[in-house]
PDB file of all heavy atoms in Angstrom:
ATOM      1  N   ILE A   1     147.174 155.988  72.073  1.00  0.00           N
ATOM      2  CA  ILE A   1     146.680 154.850  71.453  1.00  0.00           C
ATOM      3  C   ILE A   1     146.932 153.566  72.427  1.00  0.00           C
ATOM      4  O   ILE A   1     148.108 153.354  72.853  1.00  0.00           O
ATOM      5  CB  ILE A   1     147.348 154.592  70.081  1.00  0.00           C
ATOM      6  CG1 ILE A   1     146.701 153.371  69.388  1.00  0.00           C
ATOM      7  CG2 ILE A   1     148.833 154.412  70.194  1.00  0.00           C
ATOM      8  CD1 ILE A   1     145.300 153.514  68.944  1.00  0.00           C
ATOM      9  N   ASP A   2     145.937 152.920  72.710  1.00  0.00           N
ATOM     10  CA  ASP A   2     145.904 151.796  73.737  1.00  0.00           C
ATOM     11  C   ASP A   2     146.407 150.621  72.987  1.00  0.00           C
ATOM     12  O   ASP A   2     145.951 150.239  71.897  1.00  0.00           O
ATOM     13  CB  ASP A   2     144.516 151.526  74.143  1.00  0.00           C
ATOM     14  CG  ASP A   2     144.488 150.334  75.244  1.00  0.00           C
ATOM     15  OD1 ASP A   2     145.284 150.392  76.180  1.00  0.00           O
ATOM     16  OD2 ASP A   2     143.758 149.478  74.915  1.00  0.00           O
ATOM     17  N   SER A   3     147.432 149.891  73.600  1.00  0.00           N
ATOM     18  CA  SER A   3     148.051 148.720  72.833  1.00  0.00           C
ATOM     19  C   SER A   3     147.120 147.632  72.518  1.00  0.00           C
ATOM     20  O   SER A   3     147.051 147.114  71.386  1.00  0.00           O
ATOM     21  CB  SER A   3     149.139 148.187  73.866  1.00  0.00           C
ATOM     22  OG  SER A   3     150.293 149.184  73.904  1.00  0.00           O
ATOM     23  N   PRO A   4     146.203 147.090  73.411  1.00  0.00           N
ATOM     24  CA  PRO A   4     145.253 146.126  73.030  1.00  0.00           C
ATOM     25  C   PRO A   4     144.311 146.613  71.857  1.00  0.00           C
ATOM     26  O   PRO A   4     144.081 145.819  70.978  1.00  0.00           O
ATOM     27  CB  PRO A   4     144.528 145.729  74.319  1.00  0.00           C
ATOM     28  CG  PRO A   4     145.480 146.096  75.435  1.00  0.00           C
ATOM     29  CD  PRO A   4     146.130 147.300  74.935  1.00  0.00           C
ATOM     30  N   THR A   5     143.790 147.805  72.106  1.00  0.00           N
ATOM     31  CA  THR A   5     142.872 148.317  71.139  1.00  0.00           C
ATOM     32  C   THR A   5     143.630 148.669  69.820  1.00  0.00           C
ATOM     33  O   THR A   5     143.073 148.353  68.689  1.00  0.00           O
ATOM     34  CB  THR A   5     142.347 149.642  71.552  1.00  0.00           C
ATOM     35  OG1 THR A   5     141.742 149.439  72.911  1.00  0.00           O
ATOM     36  CG2 THR A   5     141.120 150.109  70.689  1.00  0.00           C
ATOM     37  N   GLY A   6     144.788 149.119  69.930  1.00  0.00           N
ATOM     38  CA  GLY A   6     145.589 149.414  68.716  1.00  0.00           C
ATOM     39  C   GLY A   6     145.931 148.134  67.894  1.00  0.00           C
ATOM     40  O   GLY A   6     145.981 148.084  66.703  1.00  0.00           O
ATOM     41  N   THR A   7     146.057 147.025  68.624  1.00  0.00           N
ATOM     42  CA  THR A   7     146.392 145.735  68.020  1.00  0.00           C
ATOM     43  C   THR A   7     145.149 145.248  67.182  1.00  0.00           C
ATOM     44  O   THR A   7     145.280 144.729  66.014  1.00  0.00           O
ATOM     45  CB  THR A   7     146.779 144.661  69.019  1.00  0.00           C
ATOM     46  OG1 THR A   7     147.907 145.121  69.838  1.00  0.00           O
ATOM     47  CG2 THR A   7     147.051 143.361  68.368  1.00  0.00           C
ATOM     48  N   VAL A   8     143.965 145.443  67.726  1.00  0.00           N
ATOM     49  CA  VAL A   8     142.802 145.093  67.093  1.00  0.00           C
ATOM     50  C   VAL A   8     142.645 145.944  65.878  1.00  0.00           C
ATOM     51  O   VAL A   8     142.243 145.510  64.640  1.00  0.00           O
ATOM     52  CB  VAL A   8     141.519 145.177  67.906  1.00  0.00           C
ATOM     53  CG1 VAL A   8     140.212 144.849  67.229  1.00  0.00           C
ATOM     54  CG2 VAL A   8     141.690 144.333  69.125  1.00  0.00           C
ATOM     55  N   LEU A   9     142.967 147.262  65.932  1.00  0.00           N
ATOM     56  CA  LEU A   9     142.937 148.158  64.722  1.00  0.00           C
ATOM     57  C   LEU A   9     143.882 147.640  63.649  1.00  0.00           C
ATOM     58  O   LEU A   9     143.613 147.814  62.460  1.00  0.00           O
ATOM     59  CB  LEU A   9     143.248 149.511  65.163  1.00  0.00           C
ATOM     60  CG  LEU A   9     142.204 150.306  66.037  1.00  0.00           C
ATOM     61  CD1 LEU A   9     142.646 151.658  66.384  1.00  0.00           C
ATOM     62  CD2 LEU A   9     140.802 150.313  65.360  1.00  0.00           C
ATOM     63  N   VAL A  10     145.105 147.165  64.035  1.00  0.00           N
ATOM     64  CA  VAL A  10     146.052 146.671  63.147  1.00  0.00           C
ATOM     65  C   VAL A  10     145.504 145.458  62.332  1.00  0.00           C
ATOM     66  O   VAL A  10     145.551 145.440  61.127  1.00  0.00           O
ATOM     67  CB  VAL A  10     147.355 146.254  63.864  1.00  0.00           C
ATOM     68  CG1 VAL A  10     148.360 145.536  62.895  1.00  0.00           C
ATOM     69  CG2 VAL A  10     148.034 147.481  64.350  1.00  0.00           C
ATOM     70  N   VAL A  11     144.817 144.612  63.133  1.00  0.00           N
ATOM     71  CA  VAL A  11     144.205 143.444  62.460  1.00  0.00           C
ATOM     72  C   VAL A  11     143.110 143.802  61.492  1.00  0.00           C
ATOM     73  O   VAL A  11     142.893 143.354  60.438  1.00  0.00           O
ATOM     74  CB  VAL A  11     143.575 142.440  63.587  1.00  0.00           C
ATOM     75  CG1 VAL A  11     142.832 141.234  62.819  1.00  0.00           C
ATOM     76  CG2 VAL A  11     144.805 141.867  64.293  1.00  0.00           C
ATOM     77  N   LEU A  12     142.267 144.848  61.895  1.00  0.00           N
ATOM     78  CA  LEU A  12     141.168 145.366  61.172  1.00  0.00           C
ATOM     79  C   LEU A  12     141.688 145.925  59.896  1.00  0.00           C
ATOM     80  O   LEU A  12     141.044 145.889  58.734  1.00  0.00           O
ATOM     81  CB  LEU A  12     140.460 146.449  61.980  1.00  0.00           C
ATOM     82  CG  LEU A  12     139.079 146.921  61.371  1.00  0.00           C
ATOM     83  CD1 LEU A  12     138.161 145.790  61.041  1.00  0.00           C
ATOM     84  CD2 LEU A  12     138.480 147.926  62.383  1.00  0.00           C
ATOM     85  N   SER A  13     142.797 146.801  60.037  1.00  0.00           N
ATOM     86  CA  SER A  13     143.494 147.338  58.858  1.00  0.00           C
ATOM     87  C   SER A  13     143.934 146.361  57.801  1.00  0.00           C
ATOM     88  O   SER A  13     143.660 146.519  56.540  1.00  0.00           O
ATOM     89  CB  SER A  13     144.656 148.270  59.224  1.00  0.00           C
ATOM     90  OG  SER A  13     145.375 148.725  58.145  1.00  0.00           O
ATOM     91  N   ALA A  14     144.470 145.261  58.330  1.00  0.00           N
ATOM     92  CA  ALA A  14     145.054 144.176  57.390  1.00  0.00           C
ATOM     93  C   ALA A  14     143.855 143.495  56.712  1.00  0.00           C
ATOM     94  O   ALA A  14     143.987 143.328  55.393  1.00  0.00           O
ATOM     95  CB  ALA A  14     145.810 143.164  58.269  1.00  0.00           C
ATOM     96  N   SER A  15     142.824 143.243  57.373  1.00  0.00           N
ATOM     97  CA  SER A  15     141.705 142.567  56.692  1.00  0.00           C
ATOM     98  C   SER A  15     140.989 143.482  55.728  1.00  0.00           C
ATOM     99  O   SER A  15     140.704 143.070  54.567  1.00  0.00           O
ATOM    100  CB  SER A  15     140.754 141.931  57.719  1.00  0.00           C
ATOM    101  OG  SER A  15     140.183 143.087  58.521  1.00  0.00           O
ATOM    102  N   ALA A  16     140.722 144.646  56.162  1.00  0.00           N
ATOM    103  CA  ALA A  16     139.937 145.554  55.238  1.00  0.00           C
ATOM    104  C   ALA A  16     140.748 146.113  54.140  1.00  0.00           C
ATOM    105  O   ALA A  16     140.342 146.082  53.000  1.00  0.00           O
ATOM    106  CB  ALA A  16     139.444 146.825  56.057  1.00  0.00           C
ATOM    107  N   GLY A  17     141.967 146.477  54.294  1.00  0.00           N
ATOM    108  CA  GLY A  17     142.908 146.913  53.336  1.00  0.00           C
ATOM    109  C   GLY A  17     143.119 145.905  52.273  1.00  0.00           C
ATOM    110  O   GLY A  17     143.127 146.153  51.039  1.00  0.00           O
ATOM    111  N   SER A  18     143.477 144.697  52.680  1.00  0.00           N
ATOM    112  CA  SER A  18     143.772 143.617  51.724  1.00  0.00           C
ATOM    113  C   SER A  18     142.489 143.304  50.876  1.00  0.00           C
ATOM    114  O   SER A  18     142.558 142.987  49.645  1.00  0.00           O
ATOM    115  CB  SER A  18     144.223 142.364  52.443  1.00  0.00           C
ATOM    116  OG  SER A  18     143.322 141.796  53.373  1.00  0.00           O
ATOM    117  N   GLY A  19     141.293 143.313  51.475  1.00  0.00           N
ATOM    118  CA  GLY A  19     140.135 142.988  50.775  1.00  0.00           C
ATOM    119  C   GLY A  19     139.763 144.042  49.720  1.00  0.00           C
ATOM    120  O   GLY A  19     139.376 143.775  48.593  1.00  0.00           O
ATOM    121  N   ILE A  20     140.090 145.380  50.019  1.00  0.00           N
ATOM    122  CA  ILE A  20     139.848 146.415  49.029  1.00  0.00           C
ATOM    123  C   ILE A  20     140.772 146.317  47.908  1.00  0.00           C
ATOM    124  O   ILE A  20     140.469 146.484  46.728  1.00  0.00           O
ATOM    125  CB  ILE A  20     139.902 147.823  49.730  1.00  0.00           C
ATOM    126  CG1 ILE A  20     138.710 147.940  50.709  1.00  0.00           C
ATOM    127  CG2 ILE A  20     139.813 148.921  48.720  1.00  0.00           C
ATOM    128  CD1 ILE A  20     138.841 149.203  51.585  1.00  0.00           C
ATOM    129  N   LEU A  21     142.068 145.994  48.253  1.00  0.00           N
ATOM    130  CA  LEU A  21     143.074 145.797  47.142  1.00  0.00           C
ATOM    131  C   LEU A  21     142.803 144.662  46.288  1.00  0.00           C
ATOM    132  O   LEU A  21     142.989 144.733  45.094  1.00  0.00           O
ATOM    133  CB  LEU A  21     144.478 145.641  47.755  1.00  0.00           C
ATOM    134  CG  LEU A  21     145.062 146.888  48.510  1.00  0.00           C
ATOM    135  CD1 LEU A  21     146.417 146.614  49.113  1.00  0.00           C
ATOM    136  CD2 LEU A  21     145.267 148.072  47.462  1.00  0.00           C
ATOM    137  N   ALA A  22     142.392 143.607  46.843  1.00  0.00           N
ATOM    138  CA  ALA A  22     141.925 142.391  46.145  1.00  0.00           C
ATOM    139  C   ALA A  22     140.716 142.596  45.165  1.00  0.00           C
ATOM    140  O   ALA A  22     140.643 141.994  44.136  1.00  0.00           O
ATOM    141  CB  ALA A  22     141.683 141.220  47.127  1.00  0.00           C
ATOM    142  N   ALA A  23     139.925 143.556  45.568  1.00  0.00           N
ATOM    143  CA  ALA A  23     138.764 143.842  44.800  1.00  0.00           C
ATOM    144  C   ALA A  23     139.049 144.818  43.636  1.00  0.00           C
ATOM    145  O   ALA A  23     138.172 145.256  42.919  1.00  0.00           O
ATOM    146  CB  ALA A  23     137.672 144.426  45.647  1.00  0.00           C
ATOM    147  N   GLY A  24     140.285 145.143  43.499  1.00  0.00           N
ATOM    148  CA  GLY A  24     140.745 146.133  42.470  1.00  0.00           C
ATOM    149  C   GLY A  24     140.910 147.559  42.906  1.00  0.00           C
ATOM    150  O   GLY A  24     141.164 148.445  42.045  1.00  0.00           O
ATOM    151  N   GLY A  25     140.670 147.860  44.201  1.00  0.00           N
ATOM    152  CA  GLY A  25     140.909 149.183  44.728  1.00  0.00           C
ATOM    153  C   GLY A  25     142.275 149.667  44.713  1.00  0.00           C
ATOM    154  O   GLY A  25     143.206 148.849  44.837  1.00  0.00           O
ATOM    155  N   SER A  26     142.487 151.027  44.671  1.00  0.00           N
ATOM    156  CA  SER A  26     143.824 151.604  44.635  1.00  0.00           C
ATOM    157  C   SER A  26     144.327 151.607  46.075  1.00  0.00           C
ATOM    158  O   SER A  26     143.461 151.691  47.136  1.00  0.00           O
ATOM    159  CB  SER A  26     143.926 152.951  44.024  1.00  0.00           C
ATOM    160  OG  SER A  26     143.081 153.806  44.758  1.00  0.00           O
ATOM    161  N   PRO A  27     145.587 151.827  46.223  1.00  0.00           N
ATOM    162  CA  PRO A  27     146.132 151.977  47.660  1.00  0.00           C
ATOM    163  C   PRO A  27     145.546 153.148  48.367  1.00  0.00           C
ATOM    164  O   PRO A  27     145.360 153.109  49.602  1.00  0.00           O
ATOM    165  CB  PRO A  27     147.643 152.069  47.609  1.00  0.00           C
ATOM    166  CG  PRO A  27     148.012 151.303  46.281  1.00  0.00           C
ATOM    167  CD  PRO A  27     146.779 151.534  45.390  1.00  0.00           C
ATOM    168  N   ALA A  28     145.286 154.258  47.570  1.00  0.00           N
ATOM    169  CA  ALA A  28     144.726 155.494  48.208  1.00  0.00           C
ATOM    170  C   ALA A  28     143.287 155.220  48.720  1.00  0.00           C
ATOM    171  O   ALA A  28     142.914 155.661  49.750  1.00  0.00           O
ATOM    172  CB  ALA A  28     144.787 156.509  47.233  1.00  0.00           C
ATOM    173  N   THR A  29     142.493 154.477  47.846  1.00  0.00           N
ATOM    174  CA  THR A  29     141.188 154.100  48.328  1.00  0.00           C
ATOM    175  C   THR A  29     141.128 153.185  49.579  1.00  0.00           C
ATOM    176  O   THR A  29     140.354 153.386  50.381  1.00  0.00           O
ATOM    177  CB  THR A  29     140.521 153.348  47.134  1.00  0.00           C
ATOM    178  OG1 THR A  29     140.474 154.248  45.989  1.00  0.00           O
ATOM    179  CG2 THR A  29     139.093 152.948  47.468  1.00  0.00           C
ATOM    180  N   ALA A  30     142.123 152.179  49.631  1.00  0.00           N
ATOM    181  CA  ALA A  30     142.174 151.333  50.740  1.00  0.00           C
ATOM    182  C   ALA A  30     142.493 152.120  51.977  1.00  0.00           C
ATOM    183  O   ALA A  30     141.885 151.883  53.004  1.00  0.00           O
ATOM    184  CB  ALA A  30     143.157 150.257  50.467  1.00  0.00           C
ATOM    185  N   ILE A  31     143.433 153.035  51.919  1.00  0.00           N
ATOM    186  CA  ILE A  31     143.781 153.849  53.051  1.00  0.00           C
ATOM    187  C   ILE A  31     142.688 154.756  53.555  1.00  0.00           C
ATOM    188  O   ILE A  31     142.391 154.774  54.759  1.00  0.00           O
ATOM    189  CB  ILE A  31     145.097 154.734  52.659  1.00  0.00           C
ATOM    190  CG1 ILE A  31     146.329 153.925  52.444  1.00  0.00           C
ATOM    191  CG2 ILE A  31     145.280 155.784  53.767  1.00  0.00           C
ATOM    192  CD1 ILE A  31     147.492 154.635  51.856  1.00  0.00           C
ATOM    193  N   GLN A  32     142.011 155.303  52.660  1.00  0.00           N
ATOM    194  CA  GLN A  32     140.855 156.153  53.037  1.00  0.00           C
ATOM    195  C   GLN A  32     139.739 155.380  53.690  1.00  0.00           C
ATOM    196  O   GLN A  32     139.191 155.616  54.743  1.00  0.00           O
ATOM    197  CB  GLN A  32     140.242 156.832  51.863  1.00  0.00           C
ATOM    198  CG  GLN A  32     139.088 157.758  52.166  1.00  0.00           C
ATOM    199  CD  GLN A  32     138.450 158.285  50.818  1.00  0.00           C
ATOM    200  OE1 GLN A  32     137.789 157.516  50.094  1.00  0.00           O
ATOM    201  NE2 GLN A  32     138.570 159.623  50.595  1.00  0.00           N
ATOM    202  N   SER A  33     139.528 154.129  53.140  1.00  0.00           N
ATOM    203  CA  SER A  33     138.517 153.254  53.685  1.00  0.00           C
ATOM    204  C   SER A  33     138.802 152.794  55.042  1.00  0.00           C
ATOM    205  O   SER A  33     138.016 152.726  55.921  1.00  0.00           O
ATOM    206  CB  SER A  33     138.259 152.036  52.779  1.00  0.00           C
ATOM    207  OG  SER A  33     137.785 152.488  51.465  1.00  0.00           O
ATOM    208  N   VAL A  34     140.103 152.407  55.272  1.00  0.00           N
ATOM    209  CA  VAL A  34     140.572 151.842  56.544  1.00  0.00           C
ATOM    210  C   VAL A  34     140.510 153.049  57.601  1.00  0.00           C
ATOM    211  O   VAL A  34     140.086 152.751  58.699  1.00  0.00           O
ATOM    212  CB  VAL A  34     142.041 151.385  56.455  1.00  0.00           C
ATOM    213  CG1 VAL A  34     142.545 151.149  57.854  1.00  0.00           C
ATOM    214  CG2 VAL A  34     142.107 150.108  55.659  1.00  0.00           C
ATOM    215  N   MET A  35     140.877 154.249  57.200  1.00  0.00           N
ATOM    216  CA  MET A  35     140.834 155.276  58.212  1.00  0.00           C
ATOM    217  C   MET A  35     139.317 155.654  58.504  1.00  0.00           C
ATOM    218  O   MET A  35     138.975 155.956  59.698  1.00  0.00           O
ATOM    219  CB  MET A  35     141.416 156.599  57.610  1.00  0.00           C
ATOM    220  CG  MET A  35     142.890 156.504  57.472  1.00  0.00           C
ATOM    221  SD  MET A  35     143.745 156.133  59.068  1.00  0.00           S
ATOM    222  CE  MET A  35     143.227 157.629  60.015  1.00  0.00           C
ATOM    223  N   LEU A  36     138.395 155.550  57.612  1.00  0.00           N
ATOM    224  CA  LEU A  36     136.902 155.746  57.913  1.00  0.00           C
ATOM    225  C   LEU A  36     136.433 154.622  58.886  1.00  0.00           C
ATOM    226  O   LEU A  36     135.686 154.891  59.780  1.00  0.00           O
ATOM    227  CB  LEU A  36     136.154 155.728  56.681  1.00  0.00           C
ATOM    228  CG  LEU A  36     136.160 156.994  55.796  1.00  0.00           C
ATOM    229  CD1 LEU A  36     135.435 156.648  54.524  1.00  0.00           C
ATOM    230  CD2 LEU A  36     135.510 158.122  56.592  1.00  0.00           C
ATOM    231  N   ILE A  37     137.008 153.310  58.682  1.00  0.00           N
ATOM    232  CA  ILE A  37     136.609 152.314  59.628  1.00  0.00           C
ATOM    233  C   ILE A  37     137.203 152.657  60.934  1.00  0.00           C
ATOM    234  O   ILE A  37     136.448 152.358  61.978  1.00  0.00           O
ATOM    235  CB  ILE A  37     137.160 151.048  59.116  1.00  0.00           C
ATOM    236  CG1 ILE A  37     136.403 150.643  57.815  1.00  0.00           C
ATOM    237  CG2 ILE A  37     136.968 149.809  60.164  1.00  0.00           C
ATOM    238  CD1 ILE A  37     137.025 149.392  57.048  1.00  0.00           C
ATOM    239  N   PHE A  38     138.396 153.189  61.117  1.00  0.00           N
ATOM    240  CA  PHE A  38     138.982 153.479  62.408  1.00  0.00           C
ATOM    241  C   PHE A  38     138.193 154.667  63.056  1.00  0.00           C
ATOM    242  O   PHE A  38     137.925 154.529  64.317  1.00  0.00           O
ATOM    243  CB  PHE A  38     140.415 153.957  62.134  1.00  0.00           C
ATOM    244  CG  PHE A  38     141.516 152.924  61.860  1.00  0.00           C
ATOM    245  CD1 PHE A  38     142.761 153.323  61.583  1.00  0.00           C
ATOM    246  CD2 PHE A  38     140.997 151.631  61.856  1.00  0.00           C
ATOM    247  CE1 PHE A  38     143.655 152.239  61.279  1.00  0.00           C
ATOM    248  CE2 PHE A  38     142.038 150.602  61.581  1.00  0.00           C
ATOM    249  CZ  PHE A  38     143.374 151.021  61.250  1.00  0.00           C
ATOM    250  N   THR A  39     137.716 155.591  62.265  1.00  0.00           N
ATOM    251  CA  THR A  39     136.881 156.651  62.824  1.00  0.00           C
ATOM    252  C   THR A  39     135.499 156.031  63.349  1.00  0.00           C
ATOM    253  O   THR A  39     135.019 156.449  64.469  1.00  0.00           O
ATOM    254  CB  THR A  39     136.712 157.727  61.811  1.00  0.00           C
ATOM    255  OG1 THR A  39     137.869 158.234  61.366  1.00  0.00           O
ATOM    256  CG2 THR A  39     135.776 158.898  62.269  1.00  0.00           C
ATOM    257  N   ALA A  40     134.973 155.068  62.520  1.00  0.00           N
ATOM    258  CA  ALA A  40     133.688 154.517  63.019  1.00  0.00           C
ATOM    259  C   ALA A  40     133.866 153.665  64.285  1.00  0.00           C
ATOM    260  O   ALA A  40     133.105 153.794  65.292  1.00  0.00           O
ATOM    261  CB  ALA A  40     133.136 153.632  61.985  1.00  0.00           C
ATOM    262  N   ALA A  41     135.054 153.029  64.431  1.00  0.00           N
ATOM    263  CA  ALA A  41     135.280 152.247  65.640  1.00  0.00           C
ATOM    264  C   ALA A  41     135.577 153.162  66.797  1.00  0.00           C
ATOM    265  O   ALA A  41     135.170 152.926  67.983  1.00  0.00           O
ATOM    266  CB  ALA A  41     136.619 151.448  65.410  1.00  0.00           C
ATOM    267  N   THR A  42     136.208 154.415  66.566  1.00  0.00           N
ATOM    268  CA  THR A  42     136.394 155.347  67.679  1.00  0.00           C
ATOM    269  C   THR A  42     135.042 155.838  68.195  1.00  0.00           C
ATOM    270  O   THR A  42     134.824 155.969  69.408  1.00  0.00           O
ATOM    271  CB  THR A  42     137.225 156.455  67.125  1.00  0.00           C
ATOM    272  OG1 THR A  42     138.489 156.033  66.634  1.00  0.00           O
ATOM    273  CG2 THR A  42     137.443 157.624  68.154  1.00  0.00           C
ATOM    274  N   ALA A  43     134.130 156.257  67.266  1.00  0.00           N
ATOM    275  CA  ALA A  43     132.875 156.782  67.611  1.00  0.00           C
ATOM    276  C   ALA A  43     131.933 155.758  68.372  1.00  0.00           C
ATOM    277  O   ALA A  43     131.363 156.019  69.285  1.00  0.00           O
ATOM    278  CB  ALA A  43     132.115 157.241  66.425  1.00  0.00           C
TER     279      ALA A  43
END
């Protein structure tokens, strides 16, 4: 995992995860969504 890229992923996780939780989503849903976003960023 590249440090600069990983840092951007950390920021992306914070923004996406908090948004899903604020919208009423469960932690499991937020985790799954964030991981899908990570996969999309990788591709």
